[in-house]
N, C-alpha and C. Protein backbone atom coordinates (compact mmCIF):
# COMPACT_ATOMS: atom_id res chain seq x y z
N MET A 1 8.10 -7.35 -37.65
CA MET A 1 8.63 -7.56 -36.31
C MET A 1 7.51 -8.09 -35.41
N ASN A 2 7.84 -9.06 -34.58
CA ASN A 2 6.87 -9.62 -33.64
C ASN A 2 6.58 -8.63 -32.52
N LEU A 3 5.38 -8.71 -31.99
CA LEU A 3 5.00 -7.90 -30.85
C LEU A 3 5.79 -8.35 -29.63
N MET A 4 6.39 -7.41 -28.94
CA MET A 4 7.19 -7.76 -27.76
C MET A 4 6.43 -7.43 -26.49
N ASN A 5 6.71 -8.18 -25.45
CA ASN A 5 6.18 -7.91 -24.12
C ASN A 5 7.30 -7.35 -23.27
N ILE A 6 6.96 -6.48 -22.37
CA ILE A 6 7.95 -5.97 -21.42
C ILE A 6 7.82 -6.81 -20.16
N ASN A 7 8.92 -7.42 -19.75
CA ASN A 7 8.94 -8.25 -18.55
C ASN A 7 9.96 -7.69 -17.57
N PHE A 8 9.84 -8.07 -16.34
CA PHE A 8 10.77 -7.66 -15.29
C PHE A 8 11.37 -8.92 -14.69
N VAL A 9 12.62 -8.84 -14.28
CA VAL A 9 13.25 -9.98 -13.62
C VAL A 9 13.79 -9.54 -12.27
N ILE A 10 13.71 -10.44 -11.31
CA ILE A 10 14.27 -10.21 -9.98
C ILE A 10 15.08 -11.43 -9.61
N ALA A 11 16.39 -11.23 -9.46
CA ALA A 11 17.25 -12.32 -9.00
C ALA A 11 16.97 -12.55 -7.53
N SER A 12 16.94 -13.80 -7.11
CA SER A 12 16.54 -14.11 -5.74
C SER A 12 17.24 -15.35 -5.23
N LYS A 13 17.53 -15.34 -3.94
CA LYS A 13 18.07 -16.54 -3.29
C LYS A 13 16.97 -17.58 -3.11
N ASN A 14 15.73 -17.13 -2.93
CA ASN A 14 14.57 -18.00 -2.73
C ASN A 14 13.44 -17.55 -3.65
N PRO A 15 13.53 -17.86 -4.93
CA PRO A 15 12.56 -17.32 -5.89
C PRO A 15 11.11 -17.72 -5.62
N LYS A 16 10.86 -18.90 -5.10
CA LYS A 16 9.48 -19.31 -4.81
C LYS A 16 8.88 -18.43 -3.72
N GLU A 17 9.60 -18.25 -2.63
CA GLU A 17 9.08 -17.44 -1.53
C GLU A 17 8.91 -15.98 -1.94
N LEU A 18 9.87 -15.45 -2.70
CA LEU A 18 9.79 -14.05 -3.11
C LEU A 18 8.65 -13.84 -4.10
N SER A 19 8.45 -14.77 -5.01
CA SER A 19 7.35 -14.64 -5.96
C SER A 19 6.00 -14.72 -5.22
N ASP A 20 5.92 -15.54 -4.18
CA ASP A 20 4.70 -15.60 -3.36
C ASP A 20 4.42 -14.25 -2.70
N PHE A 21 5.47 -13.60 -2.19
CA PHE A 21 5.33 -12.29 -1.56
C PHE A 21 4.72 -11.30 -2.54
N TYR A 22 5.29 -11.19 -3.74
CA TYR A 22 4.79 -10.24 -4.73
C TYR A 22 3.42 -10.63 -5.26
N ALA A 23 3.13 -11.89 -5.36
CA ALA A 23 1.80 -12.31 -5.82
C ALA A 23 0.74 -11.86 -4.83
N LYS A 24 1.05 -11.92 -3.54
CA LYS A 24 0.09 -11.49 -2.53
C LYS A 24 -0.15 -9.99 -2.60
N ILE A 25 0.86 -9.21 -2.95
CA ILE A 25 0.69 -7.76 -3.09
C ILE A 25 -0.35 -7.46 -4.16
N ASN A 26 -0.28 -8.18 -5.25
CA ASN A 26 -1.10 -7.87 -6.41
C ASN A 26 -2.26 -8.85 -6.60
N ALA A 27 -2.54 -9.67 -5.61
CA ALA A 27 -3.63 -10.65 -5.66
C ALA A 27 -3.54 -11.50 -6.93
N ASP A 28 -2.34 -11.94 -7.24
CA ASP A 28 -2.09 -12.80 -8.40
C ASP A 28 -1.68 -14.18 -7.93
N LYS A 29 -1.48 -15.06 -8.91
CA LYS A 29 -0.97 -16.38 -8.58
C LYS A 29 0.41 -16.54 -9.21
N VAL A 30 1.19 -17.42 -8.63
CA VAL A 30 2.54 -17.71 -9.11
C VAL A 30 2.48 -18.93 -10.02
N ASP A 31 3.17 -18.84 -11.13
CA ASP A 31 3.28 -19.98 -12.04
C ASP A 31 4.72 -20.47 -12.06
N GLY A 32 4.88 -21.78 -12.28
CA GLY A 32 6.21 -22.35 -12.43
C GLY A 32 6.83 -21.89 -13.75
N GLY A 33 8.13 -21.70 -13.74
CA GLY A 33 8.83 -21.20 -14.91
C GLY A 33 9.57 -22.28 -15.66
N PHE A 34 10.77 -21.94 -16.12
CA PHE A 34 11.57 -22.82 -16.96
C PHE A 34 12.15 -24.01 -16.21
N ASN A 35 12.35 -23.85 -14.90
CA ASN A 35 12.91 -24.94 -14.09
C ASN A 35 12.47 -24.77 -12.65
N SER A 36 13.04 -25.55 -11.74
CA SER A 36 12.60 -25.53 -10.34
C SER A 36 13.06 -24.29 -9.57
N THR A 37 13.86 -23.43 -10.18
CA THR A 37 14.29 -22.20 -9.50
C THR A 37 13.80 -20.97 -10.25
N HIS A 38 12.73 -21.12 -11.04
CA HIS A 38 12.19 -20.01 -11.82
C HIS A 38 10.67 -19.99 -11.69
N TYR A 39 10.13 -18.84 -11.32
CA TYR A 39 8.69 -18.65 -11.16
C TYR A 39 8.33 -17.32 -11.78
N PHE A 40 7.06 -17.13 -12.10
CA PHE A 40 6.65 -15.83 -12.62
C PHE A 40 5.20 -15.53 -12.27
N ILE A 41 4.90 -14.24 -12.33
CA ILE A 41 3.54 -13.74 -12.14
C ILE A 41 3.16 -13.06 -13.44
N SER A 42 2.05 -13.45 -14.04
CA SER A 42 1.56 -12.81 -15.26
C SER A 42 0.71 -11.61 -14.87
N LEU A 43 1.01 -10.49 -15.48
CA LEU A 43 0.25 -9.27 -15.22
C LEU A 43 -0.84 -9.11 -16.28
N SER A 44 -1.83 -8.32 -16.00
CA SER A 44 -2.98 -8.20 -16.89
C SER A 44 -2.64 -7.60 -18.24
N ASN A 45 -1.53 -6.90 -18.35
CA ASN A 45 -1.16 -6.28 -19.62
C ASN A 45 -0.22 -7.15 -20.45
N ARG A 46 -0.18 -8.43 -20.18
CA ARG A 46 0.64 -9.42 -20.86
C ARG A 46 2.10 -9.40 -20.42
N SER A 47 2.46 -8.52 -19.53
CA SER A 47 3.82 -8.50 -19.00
C SER A 47 3.93 -9.52 -17.87
N LYS A 48 5.15 -9.83 -17.49
CA LYS A 48 5.40 -10.77 -16.40
C LYS A 48 6.49 -10.24 -15.50
N ILE A 49 6.44 -10.66 -14.26
CA ILE A 49 7.56 -10.47 -13.34
C ILE A 49 8.16 -11.85 -13.14
N HIS A 50 9.42 -12.02 -13.50
CA HIS A 50 10.12 -13.30 -13.36
C HIS A 50 10.98 -13.27 -12.10
N PHE A 51 11.02 -14.37 -11.39
CA PHE A 51 11.86 -14.54 -10.21
C PHE A 51 12.74 -15.74 -10.47
N TYR A 52 14.04 -15.57 -10.32
CA TYR A 52 14.95 -16.68 -10.65
C TYR A 52 16.15 -16.67 -9.72
N ARG A 53 16.77 -17.80 -9.58
CA ARG A 53 18.01 -17.90 -8.83
C ARG A 53 19.15 -17.90 -9.85
N PRO A 54 20.09 -16.94 -9.74
CA PRO A 54 21.21 -16.92 -10.68
C PRO A 54 22.03 -18.20 -10.53
N ASN A 55 22.63 -18.64 -11.65
CA ASN A 55 23.43 -19.85 -11.56
C ASN A 55 24.73 -19.58 -10.80
N LYS A 56 25.38 -20.61 -10.37
CA LYS A 56 26.57 -20.47 -9.52
C LYS A 56 27.72 -19.76 -10.22
N ASN A 57 27.74 -19.76 -11.56
CA ASN A 57 28.81 -19.09 -12.30
C ASN A 57 28.57 -17.60 -12.48
N HIS A 58 27.39 -17.15 -12.10
CA HIS A 58 27.02 -15.75 -12.27
C HIS A 58 27.49 -14.94 -11.06
N GLN A 59 28.31 -13.93 -11.30
CA GLN A 59 28.76 -13.06 -10.21
C GLN A 59 27.60 -12.13 -9.86
N TRP A 60 27.02 -12.29 -8.70
CA TRP A 60 25.82 -11.54 -8.33
C TRP A 60 26.10 -10.74 -7.07
N GLU A 61 26.09 -9.45 -7.22
CA GLU A 61 26.25 -8.56 -6.07
C GLU A 61 25.08 -7.60 -6.04
N ARG A 62 24.53 -7.39 -4.89
CA ARG A 62 23.47 -6.41 -4.74
C ARG A 62 24.14 -5.11 -4.32
N LYS A 63 24.16 -4.14 -5.24
CA LYS A 63 24.74 -2.84 -4.91
C LYS A 63 23.59 -1.88 -4.68
N SER A 64 23.35 -0.96 -5.58
CA SER A 64 22.21 -0.07 -5.41
C SER A 64 21.23 -0.29 -6.55
N ASN A 65 19.99 0.01 -6.27
CA ASN A 65 18.95 -0.17 -7.29
C ASN A 65 18.76 1.12 -8.05
N SER A 66 18.85 1.06 -9.37
CA SER A 66 18.55 2.23 -10.19
C SER A 66 17.17 2.10 -10.82
N THR A 67 16.59 0.93 -10.74
CA THR A 67 15.22 0.72 -11.19
C THR A 67 14.46 0.03 -10.07
N SER A 68 13.15 0.14 -10.13
CA SER A 68 12.37 -0.46 -9.06
C SER A 68 10.97 -0.76 -9.56
N LEU A 69 10.34 -1.74 -8.93
CA LEU A 69 8.93 -1.98 -9.15
C LEU A 69 8.14 -0.92 -8.40
N CYS A 70 7.01 -0.53 -8.97
CA CYS A 70 6.11 0.40 -8.31
C CYS A 70 4.72 -0.19 -8.36
N PHE A 71 4.11 -0.35 -7.21
CA PHE A 71 2.75 -0.85 -7.12
C PHE A 71 1.86 0.34 -6.80
N GLN A 72 0.85 0.56 -7.63
CA GLN A 72 0.00 1.73 -7.49
C GLN A 72 -1.44 1.32 -7.28
N CYS A 73 -2.06 1.89 -6.25
CA CYS A 73 -3.49 1.69 -6.00
C CYS A 73 -4.30 2.70 -6.80
N GLU A 74 -5.60 2.48 -6.80
CA GLU A 74 -6.50 3.45 -7.41
C GLU A 74 -6.38 4.78 -6.67
N PRO A 75 -6.57 5.91 -7.36
CA PRO A 75 -6.53 7.22 -6.69
C PRO A 75 -7.58 7.30 -5.57
N SER A 76 -7.26 8.10 -4.57
CA SER A 76 -8.13 8.22 -3.40
C SER A 76 -8.17 9.67 -2.93
N LYS A 77 -9.29 10.05 -2.28
CA LYS A 77 -9.37 11.37 -1.65
C LYS A 77 -8.48 11.43 -0.42
N GLU A 78 -8.21 10.26 0.18
CA GLU A 78 -7.39 10.18 1.38
C GLU A 78 -6.28 9.14 1.19
N PRO A 79 -5.28 9.45 0.35
CA PRO A 79 -4.24 8.46 0.07
C PRO A 79 -3.42 8.04 1.30
N SER A 80 -3.30 8.92 2.29
CA SER A 80 -2.50 8.56 3.47
C SER A 80 -3.14 7.40 4.23
N LYS A 81 -4.45 7.37 4.33
CA LYS A 81 -5.14 6.27 5.02
C LYS A 81 -4.95 4.96 4.26
N ILE A 82 -5.08 5.03 2.94
CA ILE A 82 -4.96 3.82 2.12
C ILE A 82 -3.53 3.27 2.20
N ILE A 83 -2.55 4.15 2.09
CA ILE A 83 -1.16 3.67 2.06
C ILE A 83 -0.74 3.11 3.41
N GLU A 84 -1.23 3.68 4.51
CA GLU A 84 -0.88 3.15 5.84
C GLU A 84 -1.46 1.75 6.04
N LYS A 85 -2.69 1.54 5.55
CA LYS A 85 -3.30 0.21 5.64
C LYS A 85 -2.52 -0.78 4.78
N TRP A 86 -2.15 -0.36 3.58
CA TRP A 86 -1.39 -1.20 2.66
C TRP A 86 -0.03 -1.54 3.24
N LYS A 87 0.64 -0.54 3.80
CA LYS A 87 1.95 -0.76 4.42
C LYS A 87 1.83 -1.77 5.55
N SER A 88 0.81 -1.65 6.36
CA SER A 88 0.60 -2.59 7.46
C SER A 88 0.44 -4.02 6.96
N GLU A 89 -0.28 -4.19 5.85
CA GLU A 89 -0.46 -5.53 5.27
C GLU A 89 0.86 -6.09 4.77
N LEU A 90 1.67 -5.23 4.14
CA LEU A 90 2.97 -5.67 3.62
C LEU A 90 3.93 -6.04 4.75
N LEU A 91 3.87 -5.32 5.85
CA LEU A 91 4.70 -5.65 7.01
C LEU A 91 4.35 -7.04 7.54
N LYS A 92 3.06 -7.36 7.55
CA LYS A 92 2.63 -8.69 8.01
C LYS A 92 3.11 -9.80 7.08
N LEU A 93 3.31 -9.48 5.80
CA LEU A 93 3.78 -10.47 4.83
C LEU A 93 5.29 -10.67 4.87
N GLY A 94 6.00 -9.84 5.64
CA GLY A 94 7.45 -9.97 5.73
C GLY A 94 8.22 -8.84 5.09
N GLY A 95 7.52 -7.84 4.56
CA GLY A 95 8.18 -6.67 4.02
C GLY A 95 8.59 -5.73 5.14
N SER A 96 9.36 -4.71 4.80
CA SER A 96 9.71 -3.69 5.79
C SER A 96 9.70 -2.32 5.12
N ALA A 97 9.42 -1.31 5.92
CA ALA A 97 9.34 0.06 5.41
C ALA A 97 10.73 0.70 5.43
N VAL A 98 10.99 1.52 4.42
CA VAL A 98 12.22 2.30 4.36
C VAL A 98 11.82 3.75 4.64
N GLY A 99 12.19 4.27 5.77
CA GLY A 99 11.81 5.64 6.12
C GLY A 99 10.33 5.73 6.44
N ILE A 100 9.80 6.93 6.25
CA ILE A 100 8.40 7.18 6.58
C ILE A 100 7.61 7.41 5.29
N THR A 101 6.30 7.29 5.41
CA THR A 101 5.42 7.60 4.29
C THR A 101 5.53 9.08 3.98
N LYS A 102 5.62 9.39 2.69
CA LYS A 102 5.73 10.79 2.28
C LYS A 102 4.46 11.21 1.55
N MET A 103 3.97 12.37 1.91
CA MET A 103 2.83 12.96 1.22
C MET A 103 3.40 13.98 0.23
N GLU A 104 2.99 13.86 -1.01
CA GLU A 104 3.44 14.75 -2.07
C GLU A 104 2.21 15.36 -2.74
N ASP A 105 2.42 16.30 -3.66
CA ASP A 105 1.30 16.92 -4.37
C ASP A 105 0.46 15.89 -5.12
N PHE A 106 1.10 14.82 -5.56
CA PHE A 106 0.40 13.81 -6.36
C PHE A 106 -0.24 12.72 -5.52
N GLY A 107 0.15 12.60 -4.22
CA GLY A 107 -0.42 11.56 -3.37
C GLY A 107 0.55 11.09 -2.31
N ALA A 108 0.40 9.84 -1.88
CA ALA A 108 1.23 9.27 -0.83
C ALA A 108 2.13 8.19 -1.43
N GLU A 109 3.37 8.15 -0.94
CA GLU A 109 4.30 7.12 -1.39
C GLU A 109 5.09 6.58 -0.22
N GLN A 110 5.45 5.31 -0.31
CA GLN A 110 6.25 4.65 0.72
C GLN A 110 7.20 3.69 0.05
N TRP A 111 8.50 3.85 0.33
CA TRP A 111 9.48 2.88 -0.14
C TRP A 111 9.47 1.70 0.82
N MET A 112 9.54 0.50 0.25
CA MET A 112 9.49 -0.73 1.02
C MET A 112 10.64 -1.63 0.62
N LEU A 113 10.91 -2.63 1.45
CA LEU A 113 11.84 -3.70 1.12
C LEU A 113 11.08 -5.01 1.16
N ASP A 114 11.32 -5.86 0.17
CA ASP A 114 10.74 -7.19 0.21
C ASP A 114 11.55 -8.04 1.18
N PRO A 115 11.17 -9.29 1.43
CA PRO A 115 11.89 -10.11 2.41
C PRO A 115 13.37 -10.34 2.09
N GLU A 116 13.80 -10.10 0.84
CA GLU A 116 15.21 -10.27 0.49
C GLU A 116 15.95 -8.95 0.36
N GLY A 117 15.30 -7.85 0.71
CA GLY A 117 15.97 -6.56 0.69
C GLY A 117 15.87 -5.78 -0.61
N ASN A 118 15.05 -6.23 -1.56
CA ASN A 118 14.83 -5.48 -2.79
C ASN A 118 13.89 -4.32 -2.50
N ARG A 119 14.24 -3.13 -2.99
CA ARG A 119 13.39 -1.95 -2.80
C ARG A 119 12.26 -1.94 -3.81
N PHE A 120 11.09 -1.49 -3.37
CA PHE A 120 9.98 -1.23 -4.27
C PHE A 120 9.15 -0.10 -3.68
N LEU A 121 8.37 0.52 -4.53
CA LEU A 121 7.59 1.67 -4.12
C LEU A 121 6.11 1.32 -4.15
N ILE A 122 5.39 1.78 -3.12
CA ILE A 122 3.93 1.71 -3.17
C ILE A 122 3.43 3.14 -3.27
N LEU A 123 2.41 3.34 -4.07
CA LEU A 123 1.96 4.69 -4.40
C LEU A 123 0.44 4.73 -4.43
N VAL A 124 -0.12 5.75 -3.79
CA VAL A 124 -1.56 6.01 -3.85
C VAL A 124 -1.74 7.47 -4.26
N PRO A 125 -2.13 7.71 -5.52
CA PRO A 125 -2.33 9.09 -5.96
C PRO A 125 -3.60 9.70 -5.38
N TYR A 126 -3.61 11.04 -5.36
CA TYR A 126 -4.84 11.74 -4.99
C TYR A 126 -5.87 11.55 -6.11
N LEU A 127 -7.11 11.47 -5.73
CA LEU A 127 -8.19 11.47 -6.70
C LEU A 127 -8.27 12.88 -7.25
N ALA A 128 -8.13 13.04 -8.56
CA ALA A 128 -8.12 14.37 -9.17
C ALA A 128 -9.49 15.01 -9.03
N LYS A 129 -9.47 16.30 -8.69
CA LYS A 129 -10.71 17.05 -8.61
C LYS A 129 -11.05 17.57 -10.00
N VAL A 130 -12.31 17.79 -10.29
CA VAL A 130 -12.72 18.29 -11.60
C VAL A 130 -12.02 19.61 -11.89
N SER A 131 -11.89 20.50 -10.88
CA SER A 131 -11.23 21.80 -11.08
C SER A 131 -9.75 21.61 -11.45
N ASP A 132 -9.08 20.58 -10.88
CA ASP A 132 -7.69 20.29 -11.20
C ASP A 132 -7.56 19.85 -12.64
N MET A 133 -8.49 18.99 -13.09
CA MET A 133 -8.42 18.47 -14.46
C MET A 133 -8.68 19.59 -15.47
N ASN A 134 -9.60 20.52 -15.15
CA ASN A 134 -9.90 21.63 -16.07
C ASN A 134 -8.76 22.61 -16.17
N SER A 135 -8.01 22.80 -15.09
CA SER A 135 -6.91 23.77 -15.11
C SER A 135 -5.72 23.26 -15.89
N SER A 136 -5.64 21.95 -16.14
CA SER A 136 -4.51 21.40 -16.88
C SER A 136 -4.79 21.30 -18.38
N ILE A 137 -5.98 21.68 -18.79
CA ILE A 137 -6.35 21.60 -20.21
C ILE A 137 -5.86 22.81 -20.96
């Protein structure tokens, strides 16, 4: 069996603009895809995020999302400061926040919407303390 890659697809009314938005989040570049309405971002683990416009024969309704992209920063001692700065940058790019930033035992998380209304999560975990790592062994 051939080695498979895991890829993600996002249907979009404006795939070029949406792929640019996500590329800026991850400091990546956008590549042209199979045709003029298909673009993708290659991730470092050989996976890709594809952005495409569904064809006119495809019945496309946006209902609720049961899966989502999650962008995670490096762990931090102060995840709330990092996530607020990150959220501010995403707002400037055309994203919007859903609710408020939540602090959890594992760190800070914020649900966001991209410019087309797709939900995604940004996450900044707490930097694990040595005592925390030893207690889980």
